[in-house]
Amino acid sequence: MARTVTTGKVIAKSRRALSETDLDRLAERAEEGFDLSTWKPRRGRPSLSAAAGGHSPRIEARVPDALHRRVSARAASEGKSVSAVVRQLLEEYAQDC
């Protein structure tokens, strides 16, 4: 969760703004403590590699803000993630290798 600079609101991962009541409820739960004996680890994202349990390497690139905004907007309009667009472009680039 992070507060936005412009509004001071706390935004959840779901992009929903949390109310003061939501924040109070979360604080109360945290103060009660958590029973770690019932905790079960969750799987992370599935591997993109063919082998089960394989590792999916990460490629990072820095891009100008304007390019990021344009790519994000086009990907969203096509119902794709930026990662999916980059994977598609890399597949096309490496096709003849």
PDB file of N, CA and C in Angstrom:
ATOM      1  N   MET A   1       0.849  -1.182   0.000  1.00  0.00           N
ATOM      2  CA  MET A   1       0.000   0.000   0.000  1.00  0.00           C
ATOM      3  C   MET A   1       0.891   1.241   0.000  1.00  0.00           C
ATOM      4  N   ALA A   2       0.458   2.219  -0.705  1.00  0.00           N
ATOM      5  CA  ALA A   2       1.233   3.448  -0.763  1.00  0.00           C
ATOM      6  C   ALA A   2       0.296   4.640  -0.831  1.00  0.00           C
ATOM      7  N   ARG A   3       0.723   5.701  -0.194  1.00  0.00           N
ATOM      8  CA  ARG A   3      -0.048   6.945  -0.277  1.00  0.00           C
ATOM      9  C   ARG A   3       0.335   7.655  -1.560  1.00  0.00           C
ATOM     10  N   THR A   4      -0.664   8.153  -2.260  1.00  0.00           N
ATOM     11  CA  THR A   4      -0.353   8.921  -3.456  1.00  0.00           C
ATOM     12  C   THR A   4       0.085  10.314  -3.025  1.00  0.00           C
ATOM     13  N   VAL A   5       1.005  10.860  -3.748  1.00  0.00           N
ATOM     14  CA  VAL A   5       1.575  12.160  -3.395  1.00  0.00           C
ATOM     15  C   VAL A   5       0.540  13.267  -3.531  1.00  0.00           C
ATOM     16  N   THR A   6      -0.272  13.188  -4.569  1.00  0.00           N
ATOM     17  CA  THR A   6      -1.192  14.288  -4.843  1.00  0.00           C
ATOM     18  C   THR A   6      -2.408  14.308  -3.930  1.00  0.00           C
ATOM     19  N   THR A   7      -2.934  13.134  -3.569  1.00  0.00           N
ATOM     20  CA  THR A   7      -4.170  13.108  -2.793  1.00  0.00           C
ATOM     21  C   THR A   7      -3.976  12.706  -1.342  1.00  0.00           C
ATOM     22  N   GLY A   8      -2.883  12.029  -1.029  1.00  0.00           N
ATOM     23  CA  GLY A   8      -2.663  11.555   0.328  1.00  0.00           C
ATOM     24  C   GLY A   8      -3.473  10.311   0.657  1.00  0.00           C
ATOM     25  N   LYS A   9      -4.187   9.754  -0.339  1.00  0.00           N
ATOM     26  CA  LYS A   9      -4.990   8.552  -0.122  1.00  0.00           C
ATOM     27  C   LYS A   9      -4.102   7.311  -0.143  1.00  0.00           C
ATOM     28  N   VAL A  10      -4.533   6.286   0.585  1.00  0.00           N
ATOM     29  CA  VAL A  10      -3.836   5.009   0.549  1.00  0.00           C
ATOM     30  C   VAL A  10      -4.549   4.135  -0.475  1.00  0.00           C
ATOM     31  N   ILE A  11      -3.770   3.601  -1.407  1.00  0.00           N
ATOM     32  CA  ILE A  11      -4.314   2.799  -2.493  1.00  0.00           C
ATOM     33  C   ILE A  11      -3.885   1.346  -2.297  1.00  0.00           C
ATOM     34  N   ALA A  12      -4.843   0.421  -2.363  1.00  0.00           N
ATOM     35  CA  ALA A  12      -4.555  -1.001  -2.224  1.00  0.00           C
ATOM     36  C   ALA A  12      -4.029  -1.552  -3.544  1.00  0.00           C
ATOM     37  N   LYS A  13      -3.517  -2.796  -3.534  1.00  0.00           N
ATOM     38  CA  LYS A  13      -3.042  -3.425  -4.756  1.00  0.00           C
ATOM     39  C   LYS A  13      -4.129  -3.468  -5.820  1.00  0.00           C
ATOM     40  N   SER A  14      -5.367  -3.582  -5.377  1.00  0.00           N
ATOM     41  CA  SER A  14      -6.490  -3.631  -6.317  1.00  0.00           C
ATOM     42  C   SER A  14      -6.792  -2.257  -6.911  1.00  0.00           C
ATOM     43  N   ARG A  15      -6.016  -1.270  -6.525  1.00  0.00           N
ATOM     44  CA  ARG A  15      -6.158   0.127  -6.969  1.00  0.00           C
ATOM     45  C   ARG A  15      -7.383   0.812  -6.369  1.00  0.00           C
ATOM     46  N   ARG A  16      -7.923   0.215  -5.304  1.00  0.00           N
ATOM     47  CA  ARG A  16      -9.060   0.817  -4.608  1.00  0.00           C
ATOM     48  C   ARG A  16      -8.511   1.708  -3.501  1.00  0.00           C
ATOM     49  N   ALA A  17      -9.049   2.913  -3.385  1.00  0.00           N
ATOM     50  CA  ALA A  17      -8.643   3.810  -2.309  1.00  0.00           C
ATOM     51  C   ALA A  17      -9.224   3.292  -0.996  1.00  0.00           C
ATOM     52  N   LEU A  18      -8.383   3.189   0.028  1.00  0.00           N
ATOM     53  CA  LEU A  18      -8.835   2.695   1.322  1.00  0.00           C
ATOM     54  C   LEU A  18      -9.366   3.850   2.164  1.00  0.00           C
ATOM     55  N   SER A  19     -10.502   3.607   2.818  1.00  0.00           N
ATOM     56  CA  SER A  19     -11.103   4.632   3.686  1.00  0.00           C
ATOM     57  C   SER A  19     -10.432   4.590   5.055  1.00  0.00           C
ATOM     58  N   GLU A  20     -10.723   5.566   5.866  1.00  0.00           N
ATOM     59  CA  GLU A  20     -10.193   5.574   7.239  1.00  0.00           C
ATOM     60  C   GLU A  20     -10.685   4.346   8.005  1.00  0.00           C
ATOM     61  N   THR A  21     -11.929   3.928   7.746  1.00  0.00           N
ATOM     62  CA  THR A  21     -12.474   2.733   8.389  1.00  0.00           C
ATOM     63  C   THR A  21     -11.681   1.497   7.981  1.00  0.00           C
ATOM     64  N   ASP A  22     -11.344   1.392   6.693  1.00  0.00           N
ATOM     65  CA  ASP A  22     -10.527   0.272   6.222  1.00  0.00           C
ATOM     66  C   ASP A  22      -9.176   0.259   6.923  1.00  0.00           C
ATOM     67  N   LEU A  23      -8.556   1.430   7.011  1.00  0.00           N
ATOM     68  CA  LEU A  23      -7.239   1.522   7.650  1.00  0.00           C
ATOM     69  C   LEU A  23      -7.318   1.174   9.127  1.00  0.00           C
ATOM     70  N   ASP A  24      -8.373   1.624   9.815  1.00  0.00           N
ATOM     71  CA  ASP A  24      -8.548   1.288  11.231  1.00  0.00           C
ATOM     72  C   ASP A  24      -8.702  -0.219  11.412  1.00  0.00           C
ATOM     73  N   ARG A  25      -9.494  -0.848  10.556  1.00  0.00           N
ATOM     74  CA  ARG A  25      -9.718  -2.290  10.646  1.00  0.00           C
ATOM     75  C   ARG A  25      -8.404  -3.050  10.417  1.00  0.00           C
ATOM     76  N   LEU A  26      -7.615  -2.627   9.444  1.00  0.00           N
ATOM     77  CA  LEU A  26      -6.327  -3.265   9.188  1.00  0.00           C
ATOM     78  C   LEU A  26      -5.369  -3.089  10.358  1.00  0.00           C
ATOM     79  N   ALA A  27      -5.374  -1.907  10.959  1.00  0.00           N
ATOM     80  CA  ALA A  27      -4.509  -1.646  12.114  1.00  0.00           C
ATOM     81  C   ALA A  27      -4.909  -2.527  13.299  1.00  0.00           C
ATOM     82  N   GLU A  28      -6.212  -2.674  13.528  1.00  0.00           N
ATOM     83  CA  GLU A  28      -6.683  -3.530  14.616  1.00  0.00           C
ATOM     84  C   GLU A  28      -6.248  -4.977  14.405  1.00  0.00           C
ATOM     85  N   ARG A  29      -6.376  -5.463  13.181  1.00  0.00           N
ATOM     86  CA  ARG A  29      -5.948  -6.836  12.886  1.00  0.00           C
ATOM     87  C   ARG A  29      -4.464  -7.015  13.130  1.00  0.00           C
ATOM     88  N   ALA A  30      -3.674  -6.022  12.743  1.00  0.00           N
ATOM     89  CA  ALA A  30      -2.227  -6.109  12.933  1.00  0.00           C
ATOM     90  C   ALA A  30      -1.872  -6.089  14.419  1.00  0.00           C
ATOM     91  N   GLU A  31      -2.577  -5.274  15.191  1.00  0.00           N
ATOM     92  CA  GLU A  31      -2.298  -5.185  16.622  1.00  0.00           C
ATOM     93  C   GLU A  31      -2.687  -6.469  17.354  1.00  0.00           C
ATOM     94  N   GLU A  32      -3.707  -7.187  16.845  1.00  0.00           N
ATOM     95  CA  GLU A  32      -4.097  -8.458  17.449  1.00  0.00           C
ATOM     96  C   GLU A  32      -3.022  -9.512  17.255  1.00  0.00           C
ATOM     97  N   GLY A  33      -2.220  -9.354  16.242  1.00  0.00           N
ATOM     98  CA  GLY A  33      -1.177 -10.327  15.936  1.00  0.00           C
ATOM     99  C   GLY A  33      -1.689 -11.374  14.971  1.00  0.00           C
ATOM    100  N   PHE A  34      -0.773 -12.134  14.448  1.00  0.00           N
ATOM    101  CA  PHE A  34      -1.114 -13.156  13.473  1.00  0.00           C
ATOM    102  C   PHE A  34      -0.641 -14.506  13.979  1.00  0.00           C
ATOM    103  N   ASP A  35      -1.460 -15.525  13.821  1.00  0.00           N
ATOM    104  CA  ASP A  35      -1.116 -16.879  14.219  1.00  0.00           C
ATOM    105  C   ASP A  35      -0.349 -17.524  13.081  1.00  0.00           C
ATOM    106  N   LEU A  36       0.983 -17.548  13.198  1.00  0.00           N
ATOM    107  CA  LEU A  36       1.806 -18.066  12.119  1.00  0.00           C
ATOM    108  C   LEU A  36       1.732 -19.583  12.000  1.00  0.00           C
ATOM    109  N   SER A  37       1.150 -20.256  13.009  1.00  0.00           N
ATOM    110  CA  SER A  37       1.043 -21.711  12.922  1.00  0.00           C
ATOM    111  C   SER A  37       0.049 -22.132  11.837  1.00  0.00           C
ATOM    112  N   THR A  38      -0.823 -21.246  11.439  1.00  0.00           N
ATOM    113  CA  THR A  38      -1.802 -21.567  10.399  1.00  0.00           C
ATOM    114  C   THR A  38      -1.375 -21.050   9.031  1.00  0.00           C
ATOM    115  N   TRP A  39      -0.219 -20.399   8.976  1.00  0.00           N
ATOM    116  CA  TRP A  39       0.241 -19.800   7.723  1.00  0.00           C
ATOM    117  C   TRP A  39       0.708 -20.887   6.762  1.00  0.00           C
ATOM    118  N   LYS A  40       0.319 -20.758   5.508  1.00  0.00           N
ATOM    119  CA  LYS A  40       0.756 -21.684   4.469  1.00  0.00           C
ATOM    120  C   LYS A  40       1.381 -20.871   3.348  1.00  0.00           C
ATOM    121  N   PRO A  41       2.558 -21.294   2.907  1.00  0.00           N
ATOM    122  CA  PRO A  41       3.187 -20.548   1.814  1.00  0.00           C
ATOM    123  C   PRO A  41       2.358 -20.651   0.548  1.00  0.00           C
ATOM    124  N   ARG A  42       2.363 -19.578  -0.205  1.00  0.00           N
ATOM    125  CA  ARG A  42       1.649 -19.551  -1.483  1.00  0.00           C
ATOM    126  C   ARG A  42       2.660 -19.612  -2.614  1.00  0.00           C
ATOM    127  N   ARG A  43       2.250 -20.240  -3.691  1.00  0.00           N
ATOM    128  CA  ARG A  43       3.106 -20.278  -4.870  1.00  0.00           C
ATOM    129  C   ARG A  43       3.206 -18.880  -5.471  1.00  0.00           C
ATOM    130  N   GLY A  44       4.339 -18.596  -6.045  1.00  0.00           N
ATOM    131  CA  GLY A  44       4.509 -17.337  -6.756  1.00  0.00           C
ATOM    132  C   GLY A  44       3.958 -17.458  -8.161  1.00  0.00           C
ATOM    133  N   ARG A  45       4.424 -16.617  -9.006  1.00  0.00           N
ATOM    134  CA  ARG A  45       3.980 -16.667 -10.398  1.00  0.00           C
ATOM    135  C   ARG A  45       4.511 -17.941 -11.045  1.00  0.00           C
ATOM    136  N   PRO A  46       3.736 -18.531 -11.950  1.00  0.00           N
ATOM    137  CA  PRO A  46       4.214 -19.741 -12.626  1.00  0.00           C
ATOM    138  C   PRO A  46       5.374 -19.414 -13.563  1.00  0.00           C
ATOM    139  N   SER A  47       6.257 -20.398 -13.740  1.00  0.00           N
ATOM    140  CA  SER A  47       7.398 -20.226 -14.624  1.00  0.00           C
ATOM    141  C   SER A  47       6.932 -20.126 -16.066  1.00  0.00           C
ATOM    142  N   LEU A  48       7.619 -19.330 -16.845  1.00  0.00           N
ATOM    143  CA  LEU A  48       7.333 -19.243 -18.278  1.00  0.00           C
ATOM    144  C   LEU A  48       8.156 -20.259 -19.054  1.00  0.00           C
ATOM    145  N   SER A  49       9.112 -20.913 -18.360  1.00  0.00           N
ATOM    146  CA  SER A  49       9.954 -21.915 -19.002  1.00  0.00           C
ATOM    147  C   SER A  49       9.182 -23.218 -19.167  1.00  0.00           C
ATOM    148  N   ALA A  50       9.591 -24.024 -20.141  1.00  0.00           N
ATOM    149  CA  ALA A  50       8.890 -25.276 -20.423  1.00  0.00           C
ATOM    150  C   ALA A  50       9.037 -26.275 -19.290  1.00  0.00           C
ATOM    151  N   ALA A  51      10.193 -26.319 -18.653  1.00  0.00           N
ATOM    152  CA  ALA A  51      10.440 -27.294 -17.586  1.00  0.00           C
ATOM    153  C   ALA A  51       9.644 -26.916 -16.344  1.00  0.00           C
ATOM    154  N   ALA A  52       9.011 -27.924 -15.746  1.00  0.00           N
ATOM    155  CA  ALA A  52       8.252 -27.670 -14.508  1.00  0.00           C
ATOM    156  C   ALA A  52       9.215 -27.180 -13.444  1.00  0.00           C
ATOM    157  N   GLY A  53       8.850 -26.143 -12.774  1.00  0.00           N
ATOM    158  CA  GLY A  53       9.704 -25.577 -11.734  1.00  0.00           C
ATOM    159  C   GLY A  53      10.885 -24.808 -12.284  1.00  0.00           C
ATOM    160  N   GLY A  54      10.881 -24.593 -13.591  1.00  0.00           N
ATOM    161  CA  GLY A  54      11.975 -23.856 -14.216  1.00  0.00           C
ATOM    162  C   GLY A  54      11.982 -22.393 -13.811  1.00  0.00           C
ATOM    163  N   HIS A  55      13.079 -21.748 -14.064  1.00  0.00           N
ATOM    164  CA  HIS A  55      13.247 -20.340 -13.708  1.00  0.00           C
ATOM    165  C   HIS A  55      12.963 -19.482 -14.938  1.00  0.00           C
ATOM    166  N   SER A  56      12.246 -18.390 -14.744  1.00  0.00           N
ATOM    167  CA  SER A  56      11.996 -17.438 -15.824  1.00  0.00           C
ATOM    168  C   SER A  56      12.905 -16.232 -15.626  1.00  0.00           C
ATOM    169  N   PRO A  57      13.972 -16.136 -16.418  1.00  0.00           N
ATOM    170  CA  PRO A  57      14.878 -14.996 -16.262  1.00  0.00           C
ATOM    171  C   PRO A  57      14.161 -13.673 -16.503  1.00  0.00           C
ATOM    172  N   ARG A  58      14.642 -12.652 -15.860  1.00  0.00           N
ATOM    173  CA  ARG A  58      14.055 -11.318 -15.989  1.00  0.00           C
ATOM    174  C   ARG A  58      15.001 -10.441 -16.801  1.00  0.00           C
ATOM    175  N   ILE A  59      14.417  -9.686 -17.717  1.00  0.00           N
ATOM    176  CA  ILE A  59      15.170  -8.701 -18.499  1.00  0.00           C
ATOM    177  C   ILE A  59      14.605  -7.335 -18.143  1.00  0.00           C
ATOM    178  N   GLU A  60      15.475  -6.414 -17.798  1.00  0.00           N
ATOM    179  CA  GLU A  60      15.013  -5.065 -17.462  1.00  0.00           C
ATOM    180  C   GLU A  60      15.620  -4.064 -18.436  1.00  0.00           C
ATOM    181  N   ALA A  61      14.855  -3.054 -18.766  1.00  0.00           N
ATOM    182  CA  ALA A  61      15.335  -1.985 -19.636  1.00  0.00           C
ATOM    183  C   ALA A  61      14.736  -0.668 -19.163  1.00  0.00           C
ATOM    184  N   ARG A  62      15.544   0.360 -19.220  1.00  0.00           N
ATOM    185  CA  ARG A  62      15.051   1.699 -18.873  1.00  0.00           C
ATOM    186  C   ARG A  62      14.559   2.361 -20.153  1.00  0.00           C
ATOM    187  N   VAL A  63      13.413   3.021 -20.055  1.00  0.00           N
ATOM    188  CA  VAL A  63      12.833   3.710 -21.216  1.00  0.00           C
ATOM    189  C   VAL A  63      12.354   5.095 -20.776  1.00  0.00           C
ATOM    190  N   PRO A  64      12.254   6.024 -21.712  1.00  0.00           N
ATOM    191  CA  PRO A  64      11.729   7.354 -21.369  1.00  0.00           C
ATOM    192  C   PRO A  64      10.259   7.264 -20.936  1.00  0.00           C
ATOM    193  N   ASP A  65       9.840   8.199 -20.082  1.00  0.00           N
ATOM    194  CA  ASP A  65       8.456   8.234 -19.590  1.00  0.00           C
ATOM    195  C   ASP A  65       7.433   8.218 -20.717  1.00  0.00           C
ATOM    196  N   ALA A  66       7.681   9.034 -21.736  1.00  0.00           N
ATOM    197  CA  ALA A  66       6.712   9.145 -22.831  1.00  0.00           C
ATOM    198  C   ALA A  66       6.529   7.807 -23.536  1.00  0.00           C
ATOM    199  N   LEU A  67       7.614   7.078 -23.763  1.00  0.00           N
ATOM    200  CA  LEU A  67       7.520   5.769 -24.407  1.00  0.00           C
ATOM    201  C   LEU A  67       6.768   4.794 -23.510  1.00  0.00           C
ATOM    202  N   HIS A  68       7.064   4.803 -22.226  1.00  0.00           N
ATOM    203  CA  HIS A  68       6.375   3.908 -21.289  1.00  0.00           C
ATOM    204  C   HIS A  68       4.872   4.175 -21.286  1.00  0.00           C
ATOM    205  N   ARG A  69       4.494   5.443 -21.281  1.00  0.00           N
ATOM    206  CA  ARG A  69       3.059   5.789 -21.296  1.00  0.00           C
ATOM    207  C   ARG A  69       2.386   5.299 -22.576  1.00  0.00           C
ATOM    208  N   ARG A  70       3.055   5.507 -23.720  1.00  0.00           N
ATOM    209  CA  ARG A  70       2.460   5.079 -24.994  1.00  0.00           C
ATOM    210  C   ARG A  70       2.335   3.564 -25.072  1.00  0.00           C
ATOM    211  N   VAL A  71       3.377   2.855 -24.656  1.00  0.00           N
ATOM    212  CA  VAL A  71       3.345   1.388 -24.689  1.00  0.00           C
ATOM    213  C   VAL A  71       2.282   0.865 -23.735  1.00  0.00           C
ATOM    214  N   SER A  72       2.219   1.418 -22.538  1.00  0.00           N
ATOM    215  CA  SER A  72       1.219   0.976 -21.552  1.00  0.00           C
ATOM    216  C   SER A  72      -0.194   1.202 -22.064  1.00  0.00           C
ATOM    217  N   ALA A  73      -0.424   2.359 -22.677  1.00  0.00           N
ATOM    218  CA  ALA A  73      -1.759   2.681 -23.191  1.00  0.00           C
ATOM    219  C   ALA A  73      -2.146   1.742 -24.323  1.00  0.00           C
ATOM    220  N   ARG A  74      -1.219   1.485 -25.240  1.00  0.00           N
ATOM    221  CA  ARG A  74      -1.548   0.590 -26.360  1.00  0.00           C
ATOM    222  C   ARG A  74      -1.760  -0.838 -25.869  1.00  0.00           C
ATOM    223  N   ALA A  75      -0.896  -1.296 -24.972  1.00  0.00           N
ATOM    224  CA  ALA A  75      -1.050  -2.656 -24.439  1.00  0.00           C
ATOM    225  C   ALA A  75      -2.403  -2.806 -23.754  1.00  0.00           C
ATOM    226  N   ALA A  76      -2.782  -1.819 -22.947  1.00  0.00           N
ATOM    227  CA  ALA A  76      -4.065  -1.875 -22.251  1.00  0.00           C
ATOM    228  C   ALA A  76      -5.223  -1.887 -23.240  1.00  0.00           C
ATOM    229  N   SER A  77      -5.114  -1.085 -24.295  1.00  0.00           N
ATOM    230  CA  SER A  77      -6.196  -1.044 -25.294  1.00  0.00           C
ATOM    231  C   SER A  77      -6.329  -2.367 -26.033  1.00  0.00           C
ATOM    232  N   GLU A  78      -5.236  -3.137 -26.093  1.00  0.00           N
ATOM    233  CA  GLU A  78      -5.251  -4.446 -26.745  1.00  0.00           C
ATOM    234  C   GLU A  78      -5.500  -5.578 -25.747  1.00  0.00           C
ATOM    235  N   GLY A  79      -5.684  -5.223 -24.476  1.00  0.00           N
ATOM    236  CA  GLY A  79      -5.930  -6.239 -23.458  1.00  0.00           C
ATOM    237  C   GLY A  79      -4.700  -7.057 -23.120  1.00  0.00           C
ATOM    238  N   LYS A  80      -3.523  -6.460 -23.261  1.00  0.00           N
ATOM    239  CA  LYS A  80      -2.260  -7.149 -22.989  1.00  0.00           C
ATOM    240  C   LYS A  80      -1.512  -6.436 -21.878  1.00  0.00           C
ATOM    241  N   SER A  81      -0.571  -7.144 -21.279  1.00  0.00           N
ATOM    242  CA  SER A  81       0.338  -6.503 -20.332  1.00  0.00           C
ATOM    243  C   SER A  81       1.561  -6.022 -21.114  1.00  0.00           C
ATOM    244  N   VAL A  82       2.302  -5.100 -20.525  1.00  0.00           N
ATOM    245  CA  VAL A  82       3.543  -4.642 -21.158  1.00  0.00           C
ATOM    246  C   VAL A  82       4.508  -5.815 -21.267  1.00  0.00           C
ATOM    247  N   SER A  83       4.536  -6.676 -20.256  1.00  0.00           N
ATOM    248  CA  SER A  83       5.415  -7.854 -20.292  1.00  0.00           C
ATOM    249  C   SER A  83       5.075  -8.752 -21.482  1.00  0.00           C
ATOM    250  N   ALA A  84       3.789  -8.955 -21.742  1.00  0.00           N
ATOM    251  CA  ALA A  84       3.387  -9.793 -22.872  1.00  0.00           C
ATOM    252  C   ALA A  84       3.835  -9.171 -24.193  1.00  0.00           C
ATOM    253  N   VAL A  85       3.733  -7.857 -24.297  1.00  0.00           N
ATOM    254  CA  VAL A  85       4.167  -7.163 -25.512  1.00  0.00           C
ATOM    255  C   VAL A  85       5.668  -7.333 -25.702  1.00  0.00           C
ATOM    256  N   VAL A  86       6.437  -7.157 -24.637  1.00  0.00           N
ATOM    257  CA  VAL A  86       7.897  -7.288 -24.721  1.00  0.00           C
ATOM    258  C   VAL A  86       8.270  -8.724 -25.087  1.00  0.00           C
ATOM    259  N   ARG A  87       7.614  -9.731 -24.481  1.00  0.00           N
ATOM    260  CA  ARG A  87       7.903 -11.130 -24.826  1.00  0.00           C
ATOM    261  C   ARG A  87       7.633 -11.386 -26.306  1.00  0.00           C
ATOM    262  N   GLN A  88       6.514 -10.853 -26.822  1.00  0.00           N
ATOM    263  CA  GLN A  88       6.174 -11.028 -28.235  1.00  0.00           C
ATOM    264  C   GLN A  88       7.242 -10.395 -29.128  1.00  0.00           C
ATOM    265  N   LEU A  89       7.670  -9.197 -28.791  1.00  0.00           N
ATOM    266  CA  LEU A  89       8.694  -8.518 -29.591  1.00  0.00           C
ATOM    267  C   LEU A  89      10.019  -9.257 -29.548  1.00  0.00           C
ATOM    268  N   LEU A  90      10.384  -9.787 -28.379  1.00  0.00           N
ATOM    269  CA  LEU A  90      11.634 -10.552 -28.269  1.00  0.00           C
ATOM    270  C   LEU A  90      11.560 -11.851 -29.068  1.00  0.00           C
ATOM    271  N   GLU A  91      10.393 -12.515 -29.059  1.00  0.00           N
ATOM    272  CA  GLU A  91      10.215 -13.726 -29.871  1.00  0.00           C
ATOM    273  C   GLU A  91      10.431 -13.403 -31.337  1.00  0.00           C
ATOM    274  N   GLU A  92       9.838 -12.306 -31.816  1.00  0.00           N
ATOM    275  CA  GLU A  92       9.984 -11.908 -33.218  1.00  0.00           C
ATOM    276  C   GLU A  92      11.437 -11.578 -33.531  1.00  0.00           C
ATOM    277  N   TYR A  93      12.116 -10.908 -32.623  1.00  0.00           N
ATOM    278  CA  TYR A  93      13.516 -10.518 -32.822  1.00  0.00           C
ATOM    279  C   TYR A  93      14.426 -11.751 -32.908  1.00  0.00           C
ATOM    280  N   ALA A  94      14.162 -12.747 -32.052  1.00  0.00           N
ATOM    281  CA  ALA A  94      15.019 -13.928 -31.977  1.00  0.00           C
ATOM    282  C   ALA A  94      14.566 -15.055 -32.908  1.00  0.00           C
ATOM    283  N   GLN A  95      13.565 -14.836 -33.734  1.00  0.00           N
ATOM    284  CA  GLN A  95      12.980 -15.879 -34.558  1.00  0.00           C
ATOM    285  C   GLN A  95      13.997 -16.573 -35.456  1.00  0.00           C
ATOM    286  N   ASP A  96      14.914 -15.862 -36.022  1.00  0.00           N
ATOM    287  CA  ASP A  96      15.874 -16.449 -36.972  1.00  0.00           C
ATOM    288  C   ASP A  96      17.148 -16.961 -36.301  1.00  0.00           C
ATOM    289  N   CYS A  97      17.198 -16.975 -34.995  1.00  0.00           N
ATOM    290  CA  CYS A  97      18.417 -17.438 -34.302  1.00  0.00           C
ATOM    291  C   CYS A  97      18.427 -18.928 -34.125  1.00  0.00           C
TER     292      CYS A  97
END
